[in-house]
Amino acid sequence: SGGGSVQAGGSLRLSCVASGNTPSTETMAWFRQAPGKEREGI
């Protein structure tokens, strides 16, 4: 959650809430993908 539109130079805060078998994970990450581009690890 937290996405939206912002002007250049601005700020935005994204949140990710995990549920289920969360103890089974060791890493969380953010990725992004723009049209026509490969998915990029942030």
PDB file of all heavy atoms in Angstrom:
ATOM      1  N   SER A   1       0.844  -1.178   0.000  1.00  0.00           N
ATOM      2  CA  SER A   1       0.000   0.000   0.000  1.00  0.00           C
ATOM      3  C   SER A   1       0.887   1.238   0.000  1.00  0.00           C
ATOM      4  O   SER A   1       2.086   1.156   0.260  1.00  0.00           O
ATOM      5  CB  SER A   1      -0.944   0.019   1.208  1.00  0.00           C
ATOM      6  OG  SER A   1      -0.216   0.076   2.422  1.00  0.00           O
ATOM      7  N   GLY A   2       0.295   2.375  -0.297  1.00  0.00           N
ATOM      8  CA  GLY A   2       1.008   3.637  -0.232  1.00  0.00           C
ATOM      9  C   GLY A   2       1.387   4.235  -1.561  1.00  0.00           C
ATOM     10  O   GLY A   2       1.934   5.346  -1.602  1.00  0.00           O
ATOM     11  N   GLY A   3       1.117   3.547  -2.658  1.00  0.00           N
ATOM     12  CA  GLY A   3       1.437   4.085  -3.962  1.00  0.00           C
ATOM     13  C   GLY A   3       0.541   5.256  -4.317  1.00  0.00           C
ATOM     14  O   GLY A   3      -0.490   5.496  -3.696  1.00  0.00           O
ATOM     15  N   GLY A   4       0.954   5.989  -5.330  1.00  0.00           N
ATOM     16  CA  GLY A   4       0.186   7.140  -5.775  1.00  0.00           C
ATOM     17  C   GLY A   4       0.980   7.982  -6.733  1.00  0.00           C
ATOM     18  O   GLY A   4       2.002   7.556  -7.269  1.00  0.00           O
ATOM     19  N   SER A   5       0.505   9.193  -6.950  1.00  0.00           N
ATOM     20  CA  SER A   5       1.154  10.144  -7.846  1.00  0.00           C
ATOM     21  C   SER A   5       1.817  11.246  -7.044  1.00  0.00           C
ATOM     22  O   SER A   5       1.254  11.739  -6.059  1.00  0.00           O
ATOM     23  CB  SER A   5       0.136  10.747  -8.811  1.00  0.00           C
ATOM     24  OG  SER A   5      -0.453   9.757  -9.632  1.00  0.00           O
ATOM     25  N   VAL A   6       3.006  11.629  -7.477  1.00  0.00           N
ATOM     26  CA  VAL A   6       3.769  12.643  -6.774  1.00  0.00           C
ATOM     27  C   VAL A   6       4.617  13.409  -7.785  1.00  0.00           C
ATOM     28  O   VAL A   6       4.984  12.874  -8.829  1.00  0.00           O
ATOM     29  CB  VAL A   6       4.651  12.005  -5.676  1.00  0.00           C
ATOM     30  CG1 VAL A   6       5.702  11.097  -6.300  1.00  0.00           C
ATOM     31  CG2 VAL A   6       5.295  13.059  -4.803  1.00  0.00           C
ATOM     32  N   GLN A   7       4.907  14.657  -7.491  1.00  0.00           N
ATOM     33  CA  GLN A   7       5.766  15.452  -8.349  1.00  0.00           C
ATOM     34  C   GLN A   7       7.228  15.092  -8.141  1.00  0.00           C
ATOM     35  O   GLN A   7       7.622  14.611  -7.075  1.00  0.00           O
ATOM     36  CB  GLN A   7       5.560  16.945  -8.088  1.00  0.00           C
ATOM     37  CG  GLN A   7       4.207  17.480  -8.514  1.00  0.00           C
ATOM     38  CD  GLN A   7       4.086  18.973  -8.300  1.00  0.00           C
ATOM     39  OE1 GLN A   7       4.724  19.540  -7.418  1.00  0.00           O
ATOM     40  NE2 GLN A   7       3.276  19.618  -9.113  1.00  0.00           N
ATOM     41  N   ALA A   8       8.024  15.318  -9.171  1.00  0.00           N
ATOM     42  CA  ALA A   8       9.456  15.083  -9.063  1.00  0.00           C
ATOM     43  C   ALA A   8      10.037  15.849  -7.879  1.00  0.00           C
ATOM     44  O   ALA A   8       9.700  17.007  -7.649  1.00  0.00           O
ATOM     45  CB  ALA A   8      10.157  15.484 -10.354  1.00  0.00           C
ATOM     46  N   GLY A   9      10.907  15.180  -7.155  1.00  0.00           N
ATOM     47  CA  GLY A   9      11.489  15.759  -5.961  1.00  0.00           C
ATOM     48  C   GLY A   9      10.718  15.462  -4.691  1.00  0.00           C
ATOM     49  O   GLY A   9      11.221  15.730  -3.590  1.00  0.00           O
ATOM     50  N   GLY A  10       9.535  14.903  -4.831  1.00  0.00           N
ATOM     51  CA  GLY A  10       8.708  14.603  -3.685  1.00  0.00           C
ATOM     52  C   GLY A  10       9.066  13.288  -3.034  1.00  0.00           C
ATOM     53  O   GLY A  10      10.023  12.611  -3.419  1.00  0.00           O
ATOM     54  N   SER A  11       8.259  12.921  -2.045  1.00  0.00           N
ATOM     55  CA  SER A  11       8.500  11.712  -1.270  1.00  0.00           C
ATOM     56  C   SER A  11       7.245  10.860  -1.208  1.00  0.00           C
ATOM     57  O   SER A  11       6.127  11.349  -1.341  1.00  0.00           O
ATOM     58  CB  SER A  11       8.947  12.060   0.156  1.00  0.00           C
ATOM     59  OG  SER A  11      10.145  12.813   0.164  1.00  0.00           O
ATOM     60  N   LEU A  12       7.460   9.575  -0.987  1.00  0.00           N
ATOM     61  CA  LEU A  12       6.368   8.633  -0.868  1.00  0.00           C
ATOM     62  C   LEU A  12       6.838   7.480   0.008  1.00  0.00           C
ATOM     63  O   LEU A  12       8.011   7.088  -0.050  1.00  0.00           O
ATOM     64  CB  LEU A  12       5.952   8.126  -2.243  1.00  0.00           C
ATOM     65  CG  LEU A  12       4.502   7.690  -2.473  1.00  0.00           C
ATOM     66  CD1 LEU A  12       3.538   8.831  -2.177  1.00  0.00           C
ATOM     67  CD2 LEU A  12       4.329   7.214  -3.905  1.00  0.00           C
ATOM     68  N   ARG A  13       5.935   6.936   0.799  1.00  0.00           N
ATOM     69  CA  ARG A  13       6.260   5.829   1.685  1.00  0.00           C
ATOM     70  C   ARG A  13       5.354   4.643   1.363  1.00  0.00           C
ATOM     71  O   ARG A  13       4.132   4.744   1.459  1.00  0.00           O
ATOM     72  CB  ARG A  13       6.087   6.235   3.144  1.00  0.00           C
ATOM     73  CG  ARG A  13       6.413   5.147   4.164  1.00  0.00           C
ATOM     74  CD  ARG A  13       6.222   5.685   5.579  1.00  0.00           C
ATOM     75  NE  ARG A  13       6.328   4.676   6.615  1.00  0.00           N
ATOM     76  CZ  ARG A  13       7.461   4.337   7.223  1.00  0.00           C
ATOM     77  NH1 ARG A  13       8.598   4.935   6.896  1.00  0.00           N
ATOM     78  NH2 ARG A  13       7.455   3.411   8.170  1.00  0.00           N
ATOM     79  N   LEU A  14       5.957   3.528   0.995  1.00  0.00           N
ATOM     80  CA  LEU A  14       5.232   2.308   0.715  1.00  0.00           C
ATOM     81  C   LEU A  14       5.312   1.368   1.907  1.00  0.00           C
ATOM     82  O   LEU A  14       6.314   1.330   2.619  1.00  0.00           O
ATOM     83  CB  LEU A  14       5.795   1.604  -0.521  1.00  0.00           C
ATOM     84  CG  LEU A  14       5.898   2.417  -1.810  1.00  0.00           C
ATOM     85  CD1 LEU A  14       6.393   1.530  -2.938  1.00  0.00           C
ATOM     86  CD2 LEU A  14       4.567   3.059  -2.161  1.00  0.00           C
ATOM     87  N   SER A  15       4.255   0.598   2.095  1.00  0.00           N
ATOM     88  CA  SER A  15       4.209  -0.378   3.171  1.00  0.00           C
ATOM     89  C   SER A  15       3.870  -1.750   2.611  1.00  0.00           C
ATOM     90  O   SER A  15       3.145  -1.865   1.628  1.00  0.00           O
ATOM     91  CB  SER A  15       3.167   0.008   4.229  1.00  0.00           C
ATOM     92  OG  SER A  15       3.468   1.253   4.817  1.00  0.00           O
ATOM     93  N   CYS A  16       4.391  -2.773   3.252  1.00  0.00           N
ATOM     94  CA  CYS A  16       4.089  -4.153   2.899  1.00  0.00           C
ATOM     95  C   CYS A  16       3.825  -4.920   4.179  1.00  0.00           C
ATOM     96  O   CYS A  16       4.678  -4.951   5.074  1.00  0.00           O
ATOM     97  CB  CYS A  16       5.251  -4.775   2.121  1.00  0.00           C
ATOM     98  SG  CYS A  16       5.064  -6.547   1.790  1.00  0.00           S
ATOM     99  N   VAL A  17       2.661  -5.531   4.260  1.00  0.00           N
ATOM    100  CA  VAL A  17       2.296  -6.330   5.421  1.00  0.00           C
ATOM    101  C   VAL A  17       2.273  -7.799   5.020  1.00  0.00           C
ATOM    102  O   VAL A  17       1.602  -8.170   4.050  1.00  0.00           O
ATOM    103  CB  VAL A  17       0.934  -5.907   5.989  1.00  0.00           C
ATOM    104  CG1 VAL A  17       0.539  -6.813   7.154  1.00  0.00           C
ATOM    105  CG2 VAL A  17       0.982  -4.456   6.444  1.00  0.00           C
ATOM    106  N   ALA A  18       3.000  -8.615   5.749  1.00  0.00           N
ATOM    107  CA  ALA A  18       3.079 -10.038   5.479  1.00  0.00           C
ATOM    108  C   ALA A  18       2.243 -10.815   6.483  1.00  0.00           C
ATOM    109  O   ALA A  18       2.178 -10.475   7.667  1.00  0.00           O
ATOM    110  CB  ALA A  18       4.530 -10.518   5.533  1.00  0.00           C
ATOM    111  N   SER A  19       1.609 -11.870   5.999  1.00  0.00           N
ATOM    112  CA  SER A  19       0.833 -12.743   6.861  1.00  0.00           C
ATOM    113  C   SER A  19       1.028 -14.189   6.422  1.00  0.00           C
ATOM    114  O   SER A  19       1.593 -14.458   5.362  1.00  0.00           O
ATOM    115  CB  SER A  19      -0.648 -12.362   6.840  1.00  0.00           C
ATOM    116  OG  SER A  19      -1.188 -12.467   5.530  1.00  0.00           O
ATOM    117  N   GLY A  20       0.550 -15.122   7.229  1.00  0.00           N
ATOM    118  CA  GLY A  20       0.741 -16.524   6.946  1.00  0.00           C
ATOM    119  C   GLY A  20       1.976 -17.052   7.649  1.00  0.00           C
ATOM    120  O   GLY A  20       2.265 -16.683   8.783  1.00  0.00           O
ATOM    121  N   ASN A  21       2.717 -17.900   6.967  1.00  0.00           N
ATOM    122  CA  ASN A  21       3.884 -18.546   7.556  1.00  0.00           C
ATOM    123  C   ASN A  21       5.108 -17.648   7.437  1.00  0.00           C
ATOM    124  O   ASN A  21       6.108 -17.995   6.801  1.00  0.00           O
ATOM    125  CB  ASN A  21       4.133 -19.895   6.897  1.00  0.00           C
ATOM    126  CG  ASN A  21       5.169 -20.713   7.635  1.00  0.00           C
ATOM    127  OD1 ASN A  21       5.505 -20.426   8.786  1.00  0.00           O
ATOM    128  ND2 ASN A  21       5.689 -21.741   6.974  1.00  0.00           N
ATOM    129  N   THR A  22       5.043 -16.494   8.066  1.00  0.00           N
ATOM    130  CA  THR A  22       6.151 -15.543   7.982  1.00  0.00           C
ATOM    131  C   THR A  22       7.456 -16.040   8.600  1.00  0.00           C
ATOM    132  O   THR A  22       8.525 -15.631   8.141  1.00  0.00           O
ATOM    133  CB  THR A  22       5.759 -14.201   8.606  1.00  0.00           C
ATOM    134  OG1 THR A  22       5.313 -14.405   9.949  1.00  0.00           O
ATOM    135  CG2 THR A  22       4.651 -13.542   7.797  1.00  0.00           C
ATOM    136  N   PRO A  23       7.433 -16.921   9.621  1.00  0.00           N
ATOM    137  CA  PRO A  23       8.721 -17.433  10.130  1.00  0.00           C
ATOM    138  C   PRO A  23       9.518 -18.234   9.114  1.00  0.00           C
ATOM    139  O   PRO A  23      10.710 -18.472   9.330  1.00  0.00           O
ATOM    140  CB  PRO A  23       8.303 -18.313  11.316  1.00  0.00           C
ATOM    141  CG  PRO A  23       7.007 -17.755  11.771  1.00  0.00           C
ATOM    142  CD  PRO A  23       6.319 -17.336  10.508  1.00  0.00           C
ATOM    143  N   SER A  24       8.896 -18.652   8.035  1.00  0.00           N
ATOM    144  CA  SER A  24       9.597 -19.415   7.012  1.00  0.00           C
ATOM    145  C   SER A  24      10.454 -18.544   6.105  1.00  0.00           C
ATOM    146  O   SER A  24      11.204 -19.074   5.285  1.00  0.00           O
ATOM    147  CB  SER A  24       8.598 -20.206   6.159  1.00  0.00           C
ATOM    148  OG  SER A  24       7.808 -19.340   5.364  1.00  0.00           O
ATOM    149  N   THR A  25      10.341 -17.237   6.220  1.00  0.00           N
ATOM    150  CA  THR A  25      11.085 -16.327   5.359  1.00  0.00           C
ATOM    151  C   THR A  25      12.307 -15.767   6.069  1.00  0.00           C
ATOM    152  O   THR A  25      12.338 -15.655   7.298  1.00  0.00           O
ATOM    153  CB  THR A  25      10.199 -15.169   4.885  1.00  0.00           C
ATOM    154  OG1 THR A  25       9.853 -14.336   6.007  1.00  0.00           O
ATOM    155  CG2 THR A  25       8.915 -15.689   4.247  1.00  0.00           C
ATOM    156  N   GLU A  26      13.313 -15.416   5.290  1.00  0.00           N
ATOM    157  CA  GLU A  26      14.517 -14.818   5.843  1.00  0.00           C
ATOM    158  C   GLU A  26      14.826 -13.457   5.234  1.00  0.00           C
ATOM    159  O   GLU A  26      15.630 -12.709   5.786  1.00  0.00           O
ATOM    160  CB  GLU A  26      15.727 -15.733   5.646  1.00  0.00           C
ATOM    161  CG  GLU A  26      16.123 -15.933   4.190  1.00  0.00           C
ATOM    162  CD  GLU A  26      17.356 -16.800   4.043  1.00  0.00           C
ATOM    163  OE1 GLU A  26      17.919 -17.217   5.076  1.00  0.00           O
ATOM    164  OE2 GLU A  26      17.759 -17.072   2.894  1.00  0.00           O
ATOM    165  N   THR A  27      14.206 -13.152   4.106  1.00  0.00           N
ATOM    166  CA  THR A  27      14.480 -11.910   3.408  1.00  0.00           C
ATOM    167  C   THR A  27      13.197 -11.343   2.831  1.00  0.00           C
ATOM    168  O   THR A  27      12.355 -12.092   2.333  1.00  0.00           O
ATOM    169  CB  THR A  27      15.486 -12.112   2.265  1.00  0.00           C
ATOM    170  OG1 THR A  27      16.633 -12.814   2.748  1.00  0.00           O
ATOM    171  CG2 THR A  27      15.926 -10.763   1.694  1.00  0.00           C
ATOM    172  N   MET A  28      13.065 -10.052   2.891  1.00  0.00           N
ATOM    173  CA  MET A  28      12.018  -9.353   2.170  1.00  0.00           C
ATOM    174  C   MET A  28      12.674  -8.289   1.303  1.00  0.00           C
ATOM    175  O   MET A  28      13.766  -7.813   1.606  1.00  0.00           O
ATOM    176  CB  MET A  28      11.000  -8.731   3.123  1.00  0.00           C
ATOM    177  CG  MET A  28      10.253  -9.754   3.962  1.00  0.00           C
ATOM    178  SD  MET A  28       9.040  -9.029   5.089  1.00  0.00           S
ATOM    179  CE  MET A  28       7.796  -8.459   3.917  1.00  0.00           C
ATOM    180  N   ALA A  29      12.004  -7.951   0.218  1.00  0.00           N
ATOM    181  CA  ALA A  29      12.617  -7.048  -0.741  1.00  0.00           C
ATOM    182  C   ALA A  29      11.558  -6.266  -1.492  1.00  0.00           C
ATOM    183  O   ALA A  29      10.380  -6.628  -1.517  1.00  0.00           O
ATOM    184  CB  ALA A  29      13.492  -7.827  -1.733  1.00  0.00           C
ATOM    185  N   TRP A  30      12.015  -5.189  -2.107  1.00  0.00           N
ATOM    186  CA  TRP A  30      11.185  -4.386  -2.998  1.00  0.00           C
ATOM    187  C   TRP A  30      11.723  -4.484  -4.412  1.00  0.00           C
ATOM    188  O   TRP A  30      12.932  -4.360  -4.639  1.00  0.00           O
ATOM    189  CB  TRP A  30      11.156  -2.920  -2.571  1.00  0.00           C
ATOM    190  CG  TRP A  30      10.348  -2.655  -1.341  1.00  0.00           C
ATOM    191  CD1 TRP A  30      10.804  -2.501  -0.067  1.00  0.00           C
ATOM    192  CD2 TRP A  30       8.929  -2.501  -1.277  1.00  0.00           C
ATOM    193  NE1 TRP A  30       9.762  -2.266   0.787  1.00  0.00           N
ATOM    194  CE2 TRP A  30       8.601  -2.258   0.078  1.00  0.00           C
ATOM    195  CE3 TRP A  30       7.906  -2.539  -2.229  1.00  0.00           C
ATOM    196  CZ2 TRP A  30       7.283  -2.055   0.495  1.00  0.00           C
ATOM    197  CZ3 TRP A  30       6.600  -2.343  -1.807  1.00  0.00           C
ATOM    198  CH2 TRP A  30       6.304  -2.105  -0.458  1.00  0.00           C
ATOM    199  N   PHE A  31      10.817  -4.690  -5.356  1.00  0.00           N
ATOM    200  CA  PHE A  31      11.120  -4.691  -6.773  1.00  0.00           C
ATOM    201  C   PHE A  31      10.226  -3.685  -7.467  1.00  0.00           C
ATOM    202  O   PHE A  31       9.208  -3.269  -6.923  1.00  0.00           O
ATOM    203  CB  PHE A  31      10.903  -6.080  -7.390  1.00  0.00           C
ATOM    204  CG  PHE A  31      11.899  -7.116  -6.957  1.00  0.00           C
ATOM    205  CD1 PHE A  31      11.772  -7.750  -5.733  1.00  0.00           C
ATOM    206  CD2 PHE A  31      12.957  -7.461  -7.784  1.00  0.00           C
ATOM    207  CE1 PHE A  31      12.688  -8.706  -5.325  1.00  0.00           C
ATOM    208  CE2 PHE A  31      13.874  -8.422  -7.393  1.00  0.00           C
ATOM    209  CZ  PHE A  31      13.742  -9.049  -6.165  1.00  0.00           C
ATOM    210  N   ARG A  32      10.593  -3.327  -8.677  1.00  0.00           N
ATOM    211  CA  ARG A  32       9.737  -2.468  -9.481  1.00  0.00           C
ATOM    212  C   ARG A  32       9.858  -2.864 -10.940  1.00  0.00           C
ATOM    213  O   ARG A  32      10.862  -3.413 -11.372  1.00  0.00           O
ATOM    214  CB  ARG A  32      10.083  -0.988  -9.293  1.00  0.00           C
ATOM    215  CG  ARG A  32      11.443  -0.584  -9.833  1.00  0.00           C
ATOM    216  CD  ARG A  32      11.719   0.875  -9.496  1.00  0.00           C
ATOM    217  NE  ARG A  32      13.009   1.325 -10.020  1.00  0.00           N
ATOM    218  CZ  ARG A  32      13.526   2.514  -9.778  1.00  0.00           C
ATOM    219  NH1 ARG A  32      12.870   3.386  -9.014  1.00  0.00           N
ATOM    220  NH2 ARG A  32      14.712   2.839 -10.298  1.00  0.00           N
ATOM    221  N   GLN A  33       8.815  -2.571 -11.689  1.00  0.00           N
ATOM    222  CA  GLN A  33       8.812  -2.877 -13.105  1.00  0.00           C
ATOM    223  C   GLN A  33       8.026  -1.813 -13.855  1.00  0.00           C
ATOM    224  O   GLN A  33       6.854  -1.576 -13.563  1.00  0.00           O
ATOM    225  CB  GLN A  33       8.216  -4.260 -13.372  1.00  0.00           C
ATOM    226  CG  GLN A  33       8.358  -4.715 -14.808  1.00  0.00           C
ATOM    227  CD  GLN A  33       8.070  -6.192 -14.972  1.00  0.00           C
ATOM    228  OE1 GLN A  33       7.383  -6.801 -14.147  1.00  0.00           O
ATOM    229  NE2 GLN A  33       8.600  -6.785 -16.027  1.00  0.00           N
ATOM    230  N   ALA A  34       8.689  -1.187 -14.804  1.00  0.00           N
ATOM    231  CA  ALA A  34       8.063  -0.209 -15.672  1.00  0.00           C
ATOM    232  C   ALA A  34       7.714  -0.869 -16.995  1.00  0.00           C
ATOM    233  O   ALA A  34       8.334  -1.865 -17.387  1.00  0.00           O
ATOM    234  CB  ALA A  34       8.993   0.979 -15.892  1.00  0.00           C
ATOM    235  N   PRO A  35       6.726  -0.337 -17.716  1.00  0.00           N
ATOM    236  CA  PRO A  35       6.361  -0.927 -19.009  1.00  0.00           C
ATOM    237  C   PRO A  35       7.554  -1.013 -19.949  1.00  0.00           C
ATOM    238  O   PRO A  35       8.303  -0.052 -20.113  1.00  0.00           O
ATOM    239  CB  PRO A  35       5.301   0.040 -19.543  1.00  0.00           C
ATOM    240  CG  PRO A  35       4.705   0.653 -18.318  1.00  0.00           C
ATOM    241  CD  PRO A  35       5.857   0.789 -17.356  1.00  0.00           C
ATOM    242  N   GLY A  36       7.731  -2.185 -20.556  1.00  0.00           N
ATOM    243  CA  GLY A  36       8.817  -2.389 -21.495  1.00  0.00           C
ATOM    244  C   GLY A  36      10.170  -2.626 -20.872  1.00  0.00           C
ATOM    245  O   GLY A  36      11.161  -2.738 -21.602  1.00  0.00           O
ATOM    246  N   LYS A  37      10.241  -2.702 -19.555  1.00  0.00           N
ATOM    247  CA  LYS A  37      11.508  -2.903 -18.876  1.00  0.00           C
ATOM    248  C   LYS A  37      11.458  -4.156 -18.007  1.00  0.00           C
ATOM    249  O   LYS A  37      10.387  -4.618 -17.625  1.00  0.00           O
ATOM    250  CB  LYS A  37      11.865  -1.690 -18.019  1.00  0.00           C
ATOM    251  CG  LYS A  37      12.073  -0.411 -18.804  1.00  0.00           C
ATOM    252  CD  LYS A  37      12.497   0.727 -17.896  1.00  0.00           C
ATOM    253  CE  LYS A  37      12.741   2.002 -18.678  1.00  0.00           C
ATOM    254  NZ  LYS A  37      13.160   3.118 -17.791  1.00  0.00           N
ATOM    255  N   GLU A  38      12.626  -4.689 -17.716  1.00  0.00           N
ATOM    256  CA  GLU A  38      12.721  -5.854 -16.854  1.00  0.00           C
ATOM    257  C   GLU A  38      12.456  -5.468 -15.407  1.00  0.00           C
ATOM    258  O   GLU A  38      12.634  -4.317 -15.004  1.00  0.00           O
ATOM    259  CB  GLU A  38      14.097  -6.503 -16.978  1.00  0.00           C
ATOM    260  CG  GLU A  38      14.397  -7.100 -18.339  1.00  0.00           C
ATOM    261  CD  GLU A  38      15.739  -7.794 -18.376  1.00  0.00           C
ATOM    262  OE1 GLU A  38      16.488  -7.710 -17.382  1.00  0.00           O
ATOM    263  OE2 GLU A  38      16.040  -8.432 -19.384  1.00  0.00           O
ATOM    264  N   ARG A  39      12.026  -6.456 -14.635  1.00  0.00           N
ATOM    265  CA  ARG A  39      11.823  -6.231 -13.218  1.00  0.00           C
ATOM    266  C   ARG A  39      13.160  -5.942 -12.551  1.00  0.00           C
ATOM    267  O   ARG A  39      14.136  -6.661 -12.744  1.00  0.00           O
ATOM    268  CB  ARG A  39      11.153  -7.445 -12.582  1.00  0.00           C
ATOM    269  CG  ARG A  39      10.734  -7.240 -11.144  1.00  0.00           C
ATOM    270  CD  ARG A  39       9.836  -8.377 -10.671  1.00  0.00           C
ATOM    271  NE  ARG A  39       8.606  -8.431 -11.455  1.00  0.00           N
ATOM    272  CZ  ARG A  39       7.650  -9.328 -11.259  1.00  0.00           C
ATOM    273  NH1 ARG A  39       7.774 -10.243 -10.308  1.00  0.00           N
ATOM    274  NH2 ARG A  39       6.559  -9.309 -12.020  1.00  0.00           N
ATOM    275  N   GLU A  40      13.188  -4.904 -11.749  1.00  0.00           N
ATOM    276  CA  GLU A  40      14.408  -4.427 -11.130  1.00  0.00           C
ATOM    277  C   GLU A  40      14.332  -4.573  -9.614  1.00  0.00           C
ATOM    278  O   GLU A  40      13.362  -4.124  -8.994  1.00  0.00           O
ATOM    279  CB  GLU A  40      14.661  -2.957 -11.495  1.00  0.00           C
ATOM    280  CG  GLU A  40      15.850  -2.336 -10.803  1.00  0.00           C
ATOM    281  CD  GLU A  40      15.952  -0.846 -11.013  1.00  0.00           C
ATOM    282  OE1 GLU A  40      14.950  -0.240 -11.450  1.00  0.00           O
ATOM    283  OE2 GLU A  40      17.025  -0.273 -10.744  1.00  0.00           O
ATOM    284  N   GLY A  41      15.348  -5.173  -9.042  1.00  0.00           N
ATOM    285  CA  GLY A  41      15.440  -5.246  -7.597  1.00  0.00           C
ATOM    286  C   GLY A  41      15.874  -3.915  -7.028  1.00  0.00           C
ATOM    287  O   GLY A  41      16.922  -3.383  -7.398  1.00  0.00           O
ATOM    288  N   ILE A  42      15.082  -3.364  -6.122  1.00  0.00           N
ATOM    289  CA  ILE A  42      15.377  -2.062  -5.529  1.00  0.00           C
ATOM    290  C   ILE A  42      16.255  -2.217  -4.291  1.00  0.00           C
ATOM    291  O   ILE A  42      17.275  -1.541  -4.144  1.00  0.00           O
ATOM    292  CB  ILE A  42      14.085  -1.330  -5.163  1.00  0.00           C
ATOM    293  CG1 ILE A  42      13.232  -1.087  -6.402  1.00  0.00           C
ATOM    294  CG2 ILE A  42      14.389  -0.013  -4.462  1.00  0.00           C
ATOM    295  CD1 ILE A  42      11.835  -0.624  -6.075  1.00  0.00           C
TER     296      ILE A  42
END
